[in-house]
Amino acid sequence: MRWERKGKTNTQLAMQVDALSQGLANASFLAFPAIIIGSNTSSSFTALEIFGMILWLASFLFESIADN
């Protein structure tokens, strides 16, 4: 209905674009902390890893709010 109000008639293409953008967001921002922590050989967290976890949490919350 939102796309119809904006005048989009090709809903299949709009759904594909939406799915691809969601996938890109999930594959990038939500995966950064795991990649950073997985590549660290130290047993303690660094400031970058803590920042990554905070970024992941914020991205997860925004994504959850957007899905609702």
PDB file of N, CA and C in Angstrom:
ATOM      1  N   MET A   1       0.827  -1.196   0.000  1.00  0.00           N
ATOM      2  CA  MET A   1       0.000   0.000   0.000  1.00  0.00           C
ATOM      3  C   MET A   1       0.871   1.260   0.000  1.00  0.00           C
ATOM      4  N   ARG A   2       1.999   1.185   0.702  1.00  0.00           N
ATOM      5  CA  ARG A   2       2.902   2.333   0.739  1.00  0.00           C
ATOM      6  C   ARG A   2       3.459   2.616  -0.648  1.00  0.00           C
ATOM      7  N   TRP A   3       3.803   1.555  -1.380  1.00  0.00           N
ATOM      8  CA  TRP A   3       4.337   1.740  -2.729  1.00  0.00           C
ATOM      9  C   TRP A   3       3.273   2.262  -3.675  1.00  0.00           C
ATOM     10  N   GLU A   4       2.042   1.817  -3.510  1.00  0.00           N
ATOM     11  CA  GLU A   4       0.957   2.307  -4.359  1.00  0.00           C
ATOM     12  C   GLU A   4       0.730   3.800  -4.145  1.00  0.00           C
ATOM     13  N   ARG A   5       0.829   4.264  -2.887  1.00  0.00           N
ATOM     14  CA  ARG A   5       0.669   5.697  -2.608  1.00  0.00           C
ATOM     15  C   ARG A   5       1.777   6.509  -3.269  1.00  0.00           C
ATOM     16  N   LYS A   6       2.974   5.909  -3.398  1.00  0.00           N
ATOM     17  CA  LYS A   6       4.087   6.610  -4.037  1.00  0.00           C
ATOM     18  C   LYS A   6       4.059   6.469  -5.555  1.00  0.00           C
ATOM     19  N   GLY A   7       3.103   5.715  -6.070  1.00  0.00           N
ATOM     20  CA  GLY A   7       2.967   5.578  -7.507  1.00  0.00           C
ATOM     21  C   GLY A   7       3.776   4.452  -8.124  1.00  0.00           C
ATOM     22  N   LYS A   8       4.328   3.547  -7.291  1.00  0.00           N
ATOM     23  CA  LYS A   8       5.085   2.418  -7.824  1.00  0.00           C
ATOM     24  C   LYS A   8       4.107   1.342  -8.277  1.00  0.00           C
ATOM     25  N   THR A   9       4.255   0.929  -9.516  1.00  0.00           N
ATOM     26  CA  THR A   9       3.351  -0.092 -10.042  1.00  0.00           C
ATOM     27  C   THR A   9       4.027  -1.452 -10.142  1.00  0.00           C
ATOM     28  N   ASN A  10       5.346  -1.478 -10.204  1.00  0.00           N
ATOM     29  CA  ASN A  10       6.076  -2.739 -10.303  1.00  0.00           C
ATOM     30  C   ASN A  10       6.440  -3.218  -8.893  1.00  0.00           C
ATOM     31  N   THR A  11       5.486  -3.839  -8.234  1.00  0.00           N
ATOM     32  CA  THR A  11       5.712  -4.234  -6.833  1.00  0.00           C
ATOM     33  C   THR A  11       6.724  -5.365  -6.711  1.00  0.00           C
ATOM     34  N   GLN A  12       6.832  -6.218  -7.720  1.00  0.00           N
ATOM     35  CA  GLN A  12       7.824  -7.291  -7.640  1.00  0.00           C
ATOM     36  C   GLN A  12       9.235  -6.732  -7.624  1.00  0.00           C
ATOM     37  N   LEU A  13       9.508  -5.743  -8.448  1.00  0.00           N
ATOM     38  CA  LEU A  13      10.820  -5.103  -8.447  1.00  0.00           C
ATOM     39  C   LEU A  13      11.049  -4.365  -7.137  1.00  0.00           C
ATOM     40  N   ALA A  14      10.044  -3.683  -6.642  1.00  0.00           N
ATOM     41  CA  ALA A  14      10.170  -2.961  -5.378  1.00  0.00           C
ATOM     42  C   ALA A  14      10.462  -3.930  -4.230  1.00  0.00           C
ATOM     43  N   MET A  15       9.837  -5.107  -4.246  1.00  0.00           N
ATOM     44  CA  MET A  15      10.099  -6.101  -3.202  1.00  0.00           C
ATOM     45  C   MET A  15      11.522  -6.640  -3.302  1.00  0.00           C
ATOM     46  N   GLN A  16      12.025  -6.827  -4.525  1.00  0.00           N
ATOM     47  CA  GLN A  16      13.399  -7.291  -4.705  1.00  0.00           C
ATOM     48  C   GLN A  16      14.401  -6.252  -4.218  1.00  0.00           C
ATOM     49  N   VAL A  17      14.157  -4.996  -4.541  1.00  0.00           N
ATOM     50  CA  VAL A  17      15.049  -3.922  -4.089  1.00  0.00           C
ATOM     51  C   VAL A  17      15.031  -3.839  -2.562  1.00  0.00           C
ATOM     52  N   ASP A  18      13.866  -3.942  -1.968  1.00  0.00           N
ATOM     53  CA  ASP A  18      13.753  -3.903  -0.514  1.00  0.00           C
ATOM     54  C   ASP A  18      14.485  -5.073   0.126  1.00  0.00           C
ATOM     55  N   ALA A  19      14.327  -6.268  -0.423  1.00  0.00           N
ATOM     56  CA  ALA A  19      14.995  -7.455   0.125  1.00  0.00           C
ATOM     57  C   ALA A  19      16.511  -7.348  -0.009  1.00  0.00           C
ATOM     58  N   LEU A  20      16.986  -6.833  -1.143  1.00  0.00           N
ATOM     59  CA  LEU A  20      18.423  -6.673  -1.332  1.00  0.00           C
ATOM     60  C   LEU A  20      19.013  -5.635  -0.375  1.00  0.00           C
ATOM     61  N   SER A  21      18.301  -4.544  -0.158  1.00  0.00           N
ATOM     62  CA  SER A  21      18.811  -3.533   0.770  1.00  0.00           C
ATOM     63  C   SER A  21      18.823  -4.059   2.201  1.00  0.00           C
ATOM     64  N   GLN A  22      17.820  -4.838   2.573  1.00  0.00           N
ATOM     65  CA  GLN A  22      17.808  -5.452   3.905  1.00  0.00           C
ATOM     66  C   GLN A  22      18.957  -6.451   4.044  1.00  0.00           C
ATOM     67  N   GLY A  23      19.178  -7.234   3.006  1.00  0.00           N
ATOM     68  CA  GLY A  23      20.275  -8.202   3.038  1.00  0.00           C
ATOM     69  C   GLY A  23      21.630  -7.539   3.139  1.00  0.00           C
ATOM     70  N   LEU A  24      21.815  -6.442   2.416  1.00  0.00           N
ATOM     71  CA  LEU A  24      23.077  -5.708   2.491  1.00  0.00           C
ATOM     72  C   LEU A  24      23.289  -5.130   3.884  1.00  0.00           C
ATOM     73  N   ALA A  25      22.241  -4.586   4.466  1.00  0.00           N
ATOM     74  CA  ALA A  25      22.354  -4.045   5.825  1.00  0.00           C
ATOM     75  C   ALA A  25      22.703  -5.147   6.816  1.00  0.00           C
ATOM     76  N   ASN A  26      22.077  -6.291   6.687  1.00  0.00           N
ATOM     77  CA  ASN A  26      22.346  -7.392   7.610  1.00  0.00           C
ATOM     78  C   ASN A  26      23.748  -7.960   7.406  1.00  0.00           C
ATOM     79  N   ALA A  27      24.191  -8.043   6.168  1.00  0.00           N
ATOM     80  CA  ALA A  27      25.494  -8.638   5.892  1.00  0.00           C
ATOM     81  C   ALA A  27      26.645  -7.708   6.248  1.00  0.00           C
ATOM     82  N   SER A  28      26.402  -6.420   6.303  1.00  0.00           N
ATOM     83  CA  SER A  28      27.497  -5.498   6.593  1.00  0.00           C
ATOM     84  C   SER A  28      27.524  -5.103   8.062  1.00  0.00           C
ATOM     85  N   PHE A  29      26.623  -4.244   8.478  1.00  0.00           N
ATOM     86  CA  PHE A  29      26.687  -3.700   9.821  1.00  0.00           C
ATOM     87  C   PHE A  29      26.503  -4.758  10.907  1.00  0.00           C
ATOM     88  N   LEU A  30      25.644  -5.715  10.677  1.00  0.00           N
ATOM     89  CA  LEU A  30      25.408  -6.717  11.713  1.00  0.00           C
ATOM     90  C   LEU A  30      26.516  -7.757  11.769  1.00  0.00           C
ATOM     91  N   ALA A  31      27.332  -7.877  10.730  1.00  0.00           N
ATOM     92  CA  ALA A  31      28.409  -8.856  10.726  1.00  0.00           C
ATOM     93  C   ALA A  31      29.752  -8.270  11.156  1.00  0.00           C
ATOM     94  N   PHE A  32      29.895  -6.949  11.169  1.00  0.00           N
ATOM     95  CA  PHE A  32      31.175  -6.334  11.525  1.00  0.00           C
ATOM     96  C   PHE A  32      31.720  -6.785  12.882  1.00  0.00           C
ATOM     97  N   PRO A  33      30.933  -6.777  13.944  1.00  0.00           N
ATOM     98  CA  PRO A  33      31.499  -7.191  15.237  1.00  0.00           C
ATOM     99  C   PRO A  33      32.020  -8.627  15.229  1.00  0.00           C
ATOM    100  N   ALA A  34      31.321  -9.540  14.594  1.00  0.00           N
ATOM    101  CA  ALA A  34      31.780 -10.924  14.540  1.00  0.00           C
ATOM    102  C   ALA A  34      33.089 -11.045  13.770  1.00  0.00           C
ATOM    103  N   ILE A  35      33.219 -10.290  12.698  1.00  0.00           N
ATOM    104  CA  ILE A  35      34.452 -10.318  11.899  1.00  0.00           C
ATOM    105  C   ILE A  35      35.612  -9.743  12.704  1.00  0.00           C
ATOM    106  N   ILE A  36      35.375  -8.638  13.390  1.00  0.00           N
ATOM    107  CA  ILE A  36      36.437  -7.992  14.169  1.00  0.00           C
ATOM    108  C   ILE A  36      36.863  -8.888  15.327  1.00  0.00           C
ATOM    109  N   ILE A  37      35.912  -9.418  16.065  1.00  0.00           N
ATOM    110  CA  ILE A  37      36.235 -10.260  17.215  1.00  0.00           C
ATOM    111  C   ILE A  37      36.881 -11.565  16.753  1.00  0.00           C
ATOM    112  N   GLY A  38      36.410 -12.118  15.643  1.00  0.00           N
ATOM    113  CA  GLY A  38      36.978 -13.360  15.137  1.00  0.00           C
ATOM    114  C   GLY A  38      38.409 -13.225  14.658  1.00  0.00           C
ATOM    115  N   SER A  39      38.805 -12.042  14.233  1.00  0.00           N
ATOM    116  CA  SER A  39      40.162 -11.843  13.732  1.00  0.00           C
ATOM    117  C   SER A  39      41.144 -11.427  14.826  1.00  0.00           C
ATOM    118  N   ASN A  40      40.670 -11.191  16.038  1.00  0.00           N
ATOM    119  CA  ASN A  40      41.542 -10.778  17.134  1.00  0.00           C
ATOM    120  C   ASN A  40      42.168 -12.009  17.785  1.00  0.00           C
ATOM    121  N   THR A  41      43.468 -11.985  17.984  1.00  0.00           N
ATOM    122  CA  THR A  41      44.155 -13.110  18.626  1.00  0.00           C
ATOM    123  C   THR A  41      44.291 -12.918  20.131  1.00  0.00           C
ATOM    124  N   SER A  42      43.965 -11.751  20.634  1.00  0.00           N
ATOM    125  CA  SER A  42      44.049 -11.463  22.060  1.00  0.00           C
ATOM    126  C   SER A  42      42.835 -12.039  22.784  1.00  0.00           C
ATOM    127  N   SER A  43      43.004 -12.326  24.073  1.00  0.00           N
ATOM    128  CA  SER A  43      41.898 -12.883  24.851  1.00  0.00           C
ATOM    129  C   SER A  43      41.017 -11.805  25.477  1.00  0.00           C
ATOM    130  N   SER A  44      41.407 -10.533  25.368  1.00  0.00           N
ATOM    131  CA  SER A  44      40.594  -9.451  25.933  1.00  0.00           C
ATOM    132  C   SER A  44      40.003  -8.612  24.800  1.00  0.00           C
ATOM    133  N   PHE A  45      38.929  -7.894  25.134  1.00  0.00           N
ATOM    134  CA  PHE A  45      38.269  -7.038  24.149  1.00  0.00           C
ATOM    135  C   PHE A  45      39.023  -5.733  23.991  1.00  0.00           C
ATOM    136  N   THR A  46      39.094  -5.247  22.757  1.00  0.00           N
ATOM    137  CA  THR A  46      39.691  -3.938  22.498  1.00  0.00           C
ATOM    138  C   THR A  46      38.574  -2.899  22.388  1.00  0.00           C
ATOM    139  N   ALA A  47      38.956  -1.632  22.329  1.00  0.00           N
ATOM    140  CA  ALA A  47      37.969  -0.558  22.205  1.00  0.00           C
ATOM    141  C   ALA A  47      37.202  -0.688  20.890  1.00  0.00           C
ATOM    142  N   LEU A  48      37.878  -1.123  19.837  1.00  0.00           N
ATOM    143  CA  LEU A  48      37.210  -1.300  18.548  1.00  0.00           C
ATOM    144  C   LEU A  48      36.154  -2.402  18.624  1.00  0.00           C
ATOM    145  N   GLU A  49      36.443  -3.471  19.345  1.00  0.00           N
ATOM    146  CA  GLU A  49      35.474  -4.555  19.494  1.00  0.00           C
ATOM    147  C   GLU A  49      34.268  -4.118  20.313  1.00  0.00           C
ATOM    148  N   ILE A  50      34.499  -3.360  21.348  1.00  0.00           N
ATOM    149  CA  ILE A  50      33.391  -2.849  22.157  1.00  0.00           C
ATOM    150  C   ILE A  50      32.540  -1.890  21.315  1.00  0.00           C
ATOM    151  N   PHE A  51      33.192  -1.034  20.538  1.00  0.00           N
ATOM    152  CA  PHE A  51      32.459  -0.152  19.631  1.00  0.00           C
ATOM    153  C   PHE A  51      31.652  -0.967  18.625  1.00  0.00           C
ATOM    154  N   GLY A  52      32.227  -2.038  18.113  1.00  0.00           N
ATOM    155  CA  GLY A  52      31.527  -2.910  17.174  1.00  0.00           C
ATOM    156  C   GLY A  52      30.301  -3.557  17.790  1.00  0.00           C
ATOM    157  N   MET A  53      30.420  -3.971  19.051  1.00  0.00           N
ATOM    158  CA  MET A  53      29.266  -4.571  19.730  1.00  0.00           C
ATOM    159  C   MET A  53      28.160  -3.546  19.937  1.00  0.00           C
ATOM    160  N   ILE A  54      28.534  -2.315  20.278  1.00  0.00           N
ATOM    161  CA  ILE A  54      27.540  -1.248  20.437  1.00  0.00           C
ATOM    162  C   ILE A  54      26.887  -0.935  19.088  1.00  0.00           C
ATOM    163  N   LEU A  55      27.689  -0.886  18.028  1.00  0.00           N
ATOM    164  CA  LEU A  55      27.161  -0.663  16.691  1.00  0.00           C
ATOM    165  C   LEU A  55      26.205  -1.790  16.288  1.00  0.00           C
ATOM    166  N   TRP A  56      26.575  -3.028  16.608  1.00  0.00           N
ATOM    167  CA  TRP A  56      25.711  -4.162  16.297  1.00  0.00           C
ATOM    168  C   TRP A  56      24.386  -4.036  17.044  1.00  0.00           C
ATOM    169  N   LEU A  57      24.446  -3.706  18.325  1.00  0.00           N
ATOM    170  CA  LEU A  57      23.226  -3.583  19.117  1.00  0.00           C
ATOM    171  C   LEU A  57      22.323  -2.478  18.564  1.00  0.00           C
ATOM    172  N   ALA A  58      22.915  -1.343  18.221  1.00  0.00           N
ATOM    173  CA  ALA A  58      22.119  -0.248  17.651  1.00  0.00           C
ATOM    174  C   ALA A  58      21.502  -0.665  16.313  1.00  0.00           C
ATOM    175  N   SER A  59      22.283  -1.330  15.474  1.00  0.00           N
ATOM    176  CA  SER A  59      21.759  -1.783  14.176  1.00  0.00           C
ATOM    177  C   SER A  59      20.640  -2.794  14.366  1.00  0.00           C
ATOM    178  N   PHE A  60      20.820  -3.700  15.306  1.00  0.00           N
ATOM    179  CA  PHE A  60      19.797  -4.717  15.573  1.00  0.00           C
ATOM    180  C   PHE A  60      18.506  -4.063  16.069  1.00  0.00           C
ATOM    181  N   LEU A  61      18.630  -3.078  16.961  1.00  0.00           N
ATOM    182  CA  LEU A  61      17.449  -2.395  17.460  1.00  0.00           C
ATOM    183  C   LEU A  61      16.738  -1.609  16.363  1.00  0.00           C
ATOM    184  N   PHE A  62      17.509  -0.871  15.553  1.00  0.00           N
ATOM    185  CA  PHE A  62      16.906  -0.116  14.451  1.00  0.00           C
ATOM    186  C   PHE A  62      16.224  -1.033  13.457  1.00  0.00           C
ATOM    187  N   GLU A  63      16.861  -2.167  13.168  1.00  0.00           N
ATOM    188  CA  GLU A  63      16.285  -3.126  12.240  1.00  0.00           C
ATOM    189  C   GLU A  63      14.986  -3.714  12.797  1.00  0.00           C
ATOM    190  N   SER A  64      14.984  -4.018  14.075  1.00  0.00           N
ATOM    191  CA  SER A  64      13.777  -4.571  14.702  1.00  0.00           C
ATOM    192  C   SER A  64      12.641  -3.564  14.712  1.00  0.00           C
ATOM    193  N   ILE A  65      12.968  -2.308  15.001  1.00  0.00           N
ATOM    194  CA  ILE A  65      11.948  -1.257  15.002  1.00  0.00           C
ATOM    195  C   ILE A  65      11.406  -1.051  13.589  1.00  0.00           C
ATOM    196  N   ALA A  66      12.312  -1.072  12.600  1.00  0.00           N
ATOM    197  CA  ALA A  66      11.890  -0.871  11.205  1.00  0.00           C
ATOM    198  C   ALA A  66      11.006  -2.018  10.720  1.00  0.00           C
ATOM    199  N   ASP A  67      11.282  -3.232  11.186  1.00  0.00           N
ATOM    200  CA  ASP A  67      10.474  -4.377  10.767  1.00  0.00           C
ATOM    201  C   ASP A  67       9.071  -4.321  11.361  1.00  0.00           C
ATOM    202  N   ASN A  68       8.946  -3.725  12.519  1.00  0.00           N
ATOM    203  CA  ASN A  68       7.636  -3.613  13.140  1.00  0.00           C
ATOM    204  C   ASN A  68       6.858  -2.474  12.524  1.00  0.00           C
TER     205      ASN A  68
END
